[in-house]
PDB file of all heavy atoms in Angstrom:
ATOM      1  N   ALA A   1     -11.423 -12.469   9.752  1.00  0.00           N
ATOM      2  CA  ALA A   1     -10.640 -12.046   8.589  1.00  0.00           C
ATOM      3  C   ALA A   1      -9.178 -12.384   8.834  1.00  0.00           C
ATOM      4  O   ALA A   1      -8.692 -12.330   9.968  1.00  0.00           O
ATOM      5  CB  ALA A   1     -10.798 -10.550   8.345  1.00  0.00           C
ATOM      6  N   THR A   2      -8.482 -12.747   7.760  1.00  0.00           N
ATOM      7  CA  THR A   2      -7.052 -13.042   7.828  1.00  0.00           C
ATOM      8  C   THR A   2      -6.320 -12.077   6.911  1.00  0.00           C
ATOM      9  O   THR A   2      -6.685 -11.926   5.751  1.00  0.00           O
ATOM     10  CB  THR A   2      -6.763 -14.497   7.417  1.00  0.00           C
ATOM     11  OG1 THR A   2      -7.503 -15.365   8.275  1.00  0.00           O
ATOM     12  CG2 THR A   2      -5.285 -14.813   7.519  1.00  0.00           C
ATOM     13  N   LEU A   3      -5.300 -11.435   7.453  1.00  0.00           N
ATOM     14  CA  LEU A   3      -4.500 -10.472   6.704  1.00  0.00           C
ATOM     15  C   LEU A   3      -3.066 -10.959   6.645  1.00  0.00           C
ATOM     16  O   LEU A   3      -2.530 -11.440   7.640  1.00  0.00           O
ATOM     17  CB  LEU A   3      -4.520  -9.105   7.387  1.00  0.00           C
ATOM     18  CG  LEU A   3      -5.829  -8.333   7.316  1.00  0.00           C
ATOM     19  CD1 LEU A   3      -6.883  -8.938   8.206  1.00  0.00           C
ATOM     20  CD2 LEU A   3      -5.590  -6.901   7.695  1.00  0.00           C
ATOM     21  N   GLU A   4      -2.455 -10.821   5.484  1.00  0.00           N
ATOM     22  CA  GLU A   4      -1.054 -11.215   5.295  1.00  0.00           C
ATOM     23  C   GLU A   4      -0.180  -9.968   5.186  1.00  0.00           C
ATOM     24  O   GLU A   4      -0.485  -9.048   4.422  1.00  0.00           O
ATOM     25  CB  GLU A   4      -0.892 -12.057   4.036  1.00  0.00           C
ATOM     26  CG  GLU A   4      -1.567 -13.405   4.114  1.00  0.00           C
ATOM     27  CD  GLU A   4      -1.038 -14.310   5.211  1.00  0.00           C
ATOM     28  OE1 GLU A   4       0.181 -14.276   5.493  1.00  0.00           O
ATOM     29  OE2 GLU A   4      -1.848 -15.039   5.797  1.00  0.00           O
ATOM     30  N   PHE A   5       0.906  -9.974   5.962  1.00  0.00           N
ATOM     31  CA  PHE A   5       1.912  -8.923   5.938  1.00  0.00           C
ATOM     32  C   PHE A   5       3.259  -9.560   5.653  1.00  0.00           C
ATOM     33  O   PHE A   5       3.466 -10.751   5.899  1.00  0.00           O
ATOM     34  CB  PHE A   5       1.970  -8.197   7.293  1.00  0.00           C
ATOM     35  CG  PHE A   5       0.756  -7.379   7.597  1.00  0.00           C
ATOM     36  CD1 PHE A   5      -0.372  -7.958   8.162  1.00  0.00           C
ATOM     37  CD2 PHE A   5       0.734  -6.024   7.321  1.00  0.00           C
ATOM     38  CE1 PHE A   5      -1.489  -7.216   8.447  1.00  0.00           C
ATOM     39  CE2 PHE A   5      -0.393  -5.262   7.607  1.00  0.00           C
ATOM     40  CZ  PHE A   5      -1.506  -5.862   8.171  1.00  0.00           C
ATOM     41  N   GLN A   6       4.194  -8.779   5.150  1.00  0.00           N
ATOM     42  CA  GLN A   6       5.565  -9.242   4.925  1.00  0.00           C
ATOM     43  C   GLN A   6       6.484  -8.321   5.715  1.00  0.00           C
ATOM     44  O   GLN A   6       6.492  -7.102   5.492  1.00  0.00           O
ATOM     45  CB  GLN A   6       5.913  -9.169   3.442  1.00  0.00           C
ATOM     46  CG  GLN A   6       7.300  -9.663   3.094  1.00  0.00           C
ATOM     47  CD  GLN A   6       7.384 -11.180   3.154  1.00  0.00           C
ATOM     48  OE1 GLN A   6       6.482 -11.855   2.698  1.00  0.00           O
ATOM     49  NE2 GLN A   6       8.451 -11.696   3.710  1.00  0.00           N
ATOM     50  N   TRP A   7       7.230  -8.885   6.658  1.00  0.00           N
ATOM     51  CA  TRP A   7       8.216  -8.116   7.412  1.00  0.00           C
ATOM     52  C   TRP A   7       9.574  -8.380   6.806  1.00  0.00           C
ATOM     53  O   TRP A   7       9.950  -9.529   6.563  1.00  0.00           O
ATOM     54  CB  TRP A   7       8.200  -8.524   8.882  1.00  0.00           C
ATOM     55  CG  TRP A   7       9.251  -7.805   9.686  1.00  0.00           C
ATOM     56  CD1 TRP A   7       9.180  -6.547  10.187  1.00  0.00           C
ATOM     57  CD2 TRP A   7      10.534  -8.307  10.048  1.00  0.00           C
ATOM     58  NE1 TRP A   7      10.341  -6.236  10.848  1.00  0.00           N
ATOM     59  CE2 TRP A   7      11.192  -7.307  10.768  1.00  0.00           C
ATOM     60  CE3 TRP A   7      11.190  -9.514   9.819  1.00  0.00           C
ATOM     61  CZ2 TRP A   7      12.470  -7.461  11.276  1.00  0.00           C
ATOM     62  CZ3 TRP A   7      12.470  -9.681  10.326  1.00  0.00           C
ATOM     63  CH2 TRP A   7      13.092  -8.656  11.049  1.00  0.00           C
ATOM     64  N   THR A   8      10.318  -7.316   6.523  1.00  0.00           N
ATOM     65  CA  THR A   8      11.666  -7.428   5.973  1.00  0.00           C
ATOM     66  C   THR A   8      12.627  -6.775   6.955  1.00  0.00           C
ATOM     67  O   THR A   8      12.518  -5.575   7.241  1.00  0.00           O
ATOM     68  CB  THR A   8      11.775  -6.754   4.597  1.00  0.00           C
ATOM     69  OG1 THR A   8      10.802  -7.315   3.726  1.00  0.00           O
ATOM     70  CG2 THR A   8      13.162  -6.927   4.006  1.00  0.00           C
ATOM     71  N   GLY A   9      13.556  -7.563   7.472  1.00  0.00           N
ATOM     72  CA  GLY A   9      14.539  -7.042   8.410  1.00  0.00           C
ATOM     73  C   GLY A   9      15.524  -6.116   7.725  1.00  0.00           C
ATOM     74  O   GLY A   9      15.644  -6.103   6.492  1.00  0.00           O
ATOM     75  N   SER A  10      16.251  -5.355   8.504  1.00  0.00           N
ATOM     76  CA  SER A  10      17.242  -4.435   7.929  1.00  0.00           C
ATOM     77  C   SER A  10      18.349  -5.193   7.208  1.00  0.00           C
ATOM     78  O   SER A  10      19.036  -4.628   6.355  1.00  0.00           O
ATOM     79  CB  SER A  10      17.824  -3.529   9.015  1.00  0.00           C
ATOM     80  OG  SER A  10      18.399  -4.313  10.038  1.00  0.00           O
ATOM     81  N   ASP A  11      18.496  -6.500   7.503  1.00  0.00           N
ATOM     82  CA  ASP A  11      19.487  -7.331   6.820  1.00  0.00           C
ATOM     83  C   ASP A  11      18.923  -8.001   5.563  1.00  0.00           C
ATOM     84  O   ASP A  11      19.603  -8.779   4.906  1.00  0.00           O
ATOM     85  CB  ASP A  11      20.029  -8.401   7.774  1.00  0.00           C
ATOM     86  CG  ASP A  11      18.954  -9.382   8.234  1.00  0.00           C
ATOM     87  OD1 ASP A  11      17.757  -9.197   7.902  1.00  0.00           O
ATOM     88  OD2 ASP A  11      19.314 -10.340   8.942  1.00  0.00           O
ATOM     89  N   GLY A  12      17.641  -7.738   5.253  1.00  0.00           N
ATOM     90  CA  GLY A  12      17.014  -8.310   4.057  1.00  0.00           C
ATOM     91  C   GLY A  12      16.244  -9.591   4.312  1.00  0.00           C
ATOM     92  O   GLY A  12      15.564 -10.092   3.421  1.00  0.00           O
ATOM     93  N   SER A  13      16.355 -10.158   5.514  1.00  0.00           N
ATOM     94  CA  SER A  13      15.593 -11.374   5.823  1.00  0.00           C
ATOM     95  C   SER A  13      14.102 -11.059   5.814  1.00  0.00           C
ATOM     96  O   SER A  13      13.693  -9.954   6.165  1.00  0.00           O
ATOM     97  CB  SER A  13      16.007 -11.928   7.187  1.00  0.00           C
ATOM     98  OG  SER A  13      15.723 -10.986   8.205  1.00  0.00           O
ATOM     99  N   GLN A  14      13.283 -12.037   5.386  1.00  0.00           N
ATOM    100  CA  GLN A  14      11.847 -11.811   5.282  1.00  0.00           C
ATOM    101  C   GLN A  14      11.070 -12.833   6.091  1.00  0.00           C
ATOM    102  O   GLN A  14      11.453 -14.004   6.162  1.00  0.00           O
ATOM    103  CB  GLN A  14      11.399 -11.875   3.823  1.00  0.00           C
ATOM    104  CG  GLN A  14      11.982 -10.756   2.992  1.00  0.00           C
ATOM    105  CD  GLN A  14      11.396 -10.721   1.598  1.00  0.00           C
ATOM    106  OE1 GLN A  14      10.930 -11.724   1.072  1.00  0.00           O
ATOM    107  NE2 GLN A  14      11.427  -9.557   0.984  1.00  0.00           N
ATOM    108  N   THR A  15       9.975 -12.374   6.686  1.00  0.00           N
ATOM    109  CA  THR A  15       9.090 -13.228   7.466  1.00  0.00           C
ATOM    110  C   THR A  15       7.651 -12.874   7.125  1.00  0.00           C
ATOM    111  O   THR A  15       7.298 -11.691   7.100  1.00  0.00           O
ATOM    112  CB  THR A  15       9.310 -13.020   8.990  1.00  0.00           C
ATOM    113  OG1 THR A  15      10.670 -13.290   9.292  1.00  0.00           O
ATOM    114  CG2 THR A  15       8.406 -13.903   9.813  1.00  0.00           C
ATOM    115  N   SER A  16       6.835 -13.899   6.858  1.00  0.00           N
ATOM    116  CA  SER A  16       5.401 -13.674   6.651  1.00  0.00           C
ATOM    117  C   SER A  16       4.740 -13.522   8.010  1.00  0.00           C
ATOM    118  O   SER A  16       5.029 -14.270   8.940  1.00  0.00           O
ATOM    119  CB  SER A  16       4.770 -14.853   5.914  1.00  0.00           C
ATOM    120  OG  SER A  16       5.258 -14.902   4.606  1.00  0.00           O
ATOM    121  N   VAL A  17       3.858 -12.545   8.108  1.00  0.00           N
ATOM    122  CA  VAL A  17       3.123 -12.289   9.340  1.00  0.00           C
ATOM    123  C   VAL A  17       1.642 -12.360   8.998  1.00  0.00           C
ATOM    124  O   VAL A  17       1.146 -11.539   8.223  1.00  0.00           O
ATOM    125  CB  VAL A  17       3.472 -10.904   9.936  1.00  0.00           C
ATOM    126  CG1 VAL A  17       2.653 -10.630  11.184  1.00  0.00           C
ATOM    127  CG2 VAL A  17       4.958 -10.801  10.232  1.00  0.00           C
ATOM    128  N   SER A  18       0.955 -13.355   9.539  1.00  0.00           N
ATOM    129  CA  SER A  18      -0.466 -13.551   9.291  1.00  0.00           C
ATOM    130  C   SER A  18      -1.233 -13.164  10.545  1.00  0.00           C
ATOM    131  O   SER A  18      -1.003 -13.731  11.611  1.00  0.00           O
ATOM    132  CB  SER A  18      -0.721 -15.019   8.930  1.00  0.00           C
ATOM    133  OG  SER A  18      -2.083 -15.234   8.701  1.00  0.00           O
ATOM    134  N   LEU A  19      -2.127 -12.176  10.421  1.00  0.00           N
ATOM    135  CA  LEU A  19      -2.933 -11.729  11.554  1.00  0.00           C
ATOM    136  C   LEU A  19      -4.383 -12.099  11.287  1.00  0.00           C
ATOM    137  O   LEU A  19      -4.869 -11.950  10.159  1.00  0.00           O
ATOM    138  CB  LEU A  19      -2.801 -10.217  11.754  1.00  0.00           C
ATOM    139  CG  LEU A  19      -1.392  -9.688  11.999  1.00  0.00           C
ATOM    140  CD1 LEU A  19      -1.396  -8.175  12.111  1.00  0.00           C
ATOM    141  CD2 LEU A  19      -0.785 -10.312  13.240  1.00  0.00           C
ATOM    142  N   ASN A  20      -5.067 -12.584  12.321  1.00  0.00           N
ATOM    143  CA  ASN A  20      -6.454 -12.986  12.174  1.00  0.00           C
ATOM    144  C   ASN A  20      -7.290 -12.330  13.261  1.00  0.00           C
ATOM    145  O   ASN A  20      -6.910 -12.330  14.425  1.00  0.00           O
ATOM    146  CB  ASN A  20      -6.585 -14.511  12.276  1.00  0.00           C
ATOM    147  CG  ASN A  20      -8.026 -14.962  12.162  1.00  0.00           C
ATOM    148  OD1 ASN A  20      -8.770 -14.924  13.126  1.00  0.00           O
ATOM    149  ND2 ASN A  20      -8.407 -15.380  10.970  1.00  0.00           N
ATOM    150  N   THR A  21      -8.407 -11.799  12.841  1.00  0.00           N
ATOM    151  CA  THR A  21      -9.342 -11.241  13.797  1.00  0.00           C
ATOM    152  C   THR A  21     -10.563 -12.141  13.861  1.00  0.00           C
ATOM    153  O   THR A  21     -11.089 -12.500  12.815  1.00  0.00           O
ATOM    154  CB  THR A  21      -9.746  -9.800  13.451  1.00  0.00           C
ATOM    155  OG1 THR A  21     -10.692  -9.349  14.411  1.00  0.00           O
ATOM    156  CG2 THR A  21     -10.326  -9.634  12.091  1.00  0.00           C
ATOM    157  N   PRO A  22     -10.960 -12.604  14.976  1.00  0.00           N
ATOM    158  CA  PRO A  22     -10.489 -12.293  16.324  1.00  0.00           C
ATOM    159  C   PRO A  22      -9.509 -13.314  16.893  1.00  0.00           C
ATOM    160  O   PRO A  22      -9.004 -13.123  18.000  1.00  0.00           O
ATOM    161  CB  PRO A  22     -11.778 -12.318  17.141  1.00  0.00           C
ATOM    162  CG  PRO A  22     -12.587 -13.397  16.509  1.00  0.00           C
ATOM    163  CD  PRO A  22     -12.256 -13.309  15.024  1.00  0.00           C
ATOM    164  N   ALA A  23      -9.222 -14.399  16.190  1.00  0.00           N
ATOM    165  CA  ALA A  23      -8.459 -15.529  16.750  1.00  0.00           C
ATOM    166  C   ALA A  23      -7.017 -15.201  17.115  1.00  0.00           C
ATOM    167  O   ALA A  23      -6.542 -15.590  18.184  1.00  0.00           O
ATOM    168  CB  ALA A  23      -8.484 -16.713  15.782  1.00  0.00           C
ATOM    169  N   GLU A  24      -6.274 -14.562  16.247  1.00  0.00           N
ATOM    170  CA  GLU A  24      -4.856 -14.309  16.488  1.00  0.00           C
ATOM    171  C   GLU A  24      -4.482 -12.920  15.964  1.00  0.00           C
ATOM    172  O   GLU A  24      -3.841 -12.781  14.932  1.00  0.00           O
ATOM    173  CB  GLU A  24      -4.019 -15.388  15.790  1.00  0.00           C
ATOM    174  CG  GLU A  24      -2.626 -15.481  16.289  1.00  0.00           C
ATOM    175  CD  GLU A  24      -1.900 -16.713  15.757  1.00  0.00           C
ATOM    176  OE1 GLU A  24      -2.387 -17.382  14.827  1.00  0.00           O
ATOM    177  OE2 GLU A  24      -0.811 -16.980  16.264  1.00  0.00           O
ATOM    178  N   PRO A  25      -4.892 -11.869  16.711  1.00  0.00           N
ATOM    179  CA  PRO A  25      -4.676 -10.508  16.212  1.00  0.00           C
ATOM    180  C   PRO A  25      -3.257  -9.985  16.352  1.00  0.00           C
ATOM    181  O   PRO A  25      -2.948  -8.912  15.835  1.00  0.00           O
ATOM    182  CB  PRO A  25      -5.642  -9.667  17.045  1.00  0.00           C
ATOM    183  CG  PRO A  25      -5.768 -10.424  18.327  1.00  0.00           C
ATOM    184  CD  PRO A  25      -5.652 -11.883  17.947  1.00  0.00           C
ATOM    185  N   SER A  26      -2.364 -10.722  17.027  1.00  0.00           N
ATOM    186  CA  SER A  26      -0.990 -10.227  17.148  1.00  0.00           C
ATOM    187  C   SER A  26       0.007 -11.344  16.911  1.00  0.00           C
ATOM    188  O   SER A  26      -0.246 -12.501  17.212  1.00  0.00           O
ATOM    189  CB  SER A  26      -0.757  -9.573  18.513  1.00  0.00           C
ATOM    190  OG  SER A  26      -0.814 -10.514  19.538  1.00  0.00           O
TER     191      SER A  26
END
């Protein structure tokens, strides 16, 4: 499974975070 997250820094910058189980869980 692949899950998409959005991280937003305190300065407003954004980064997509894609986690995959079991290949790339972190």
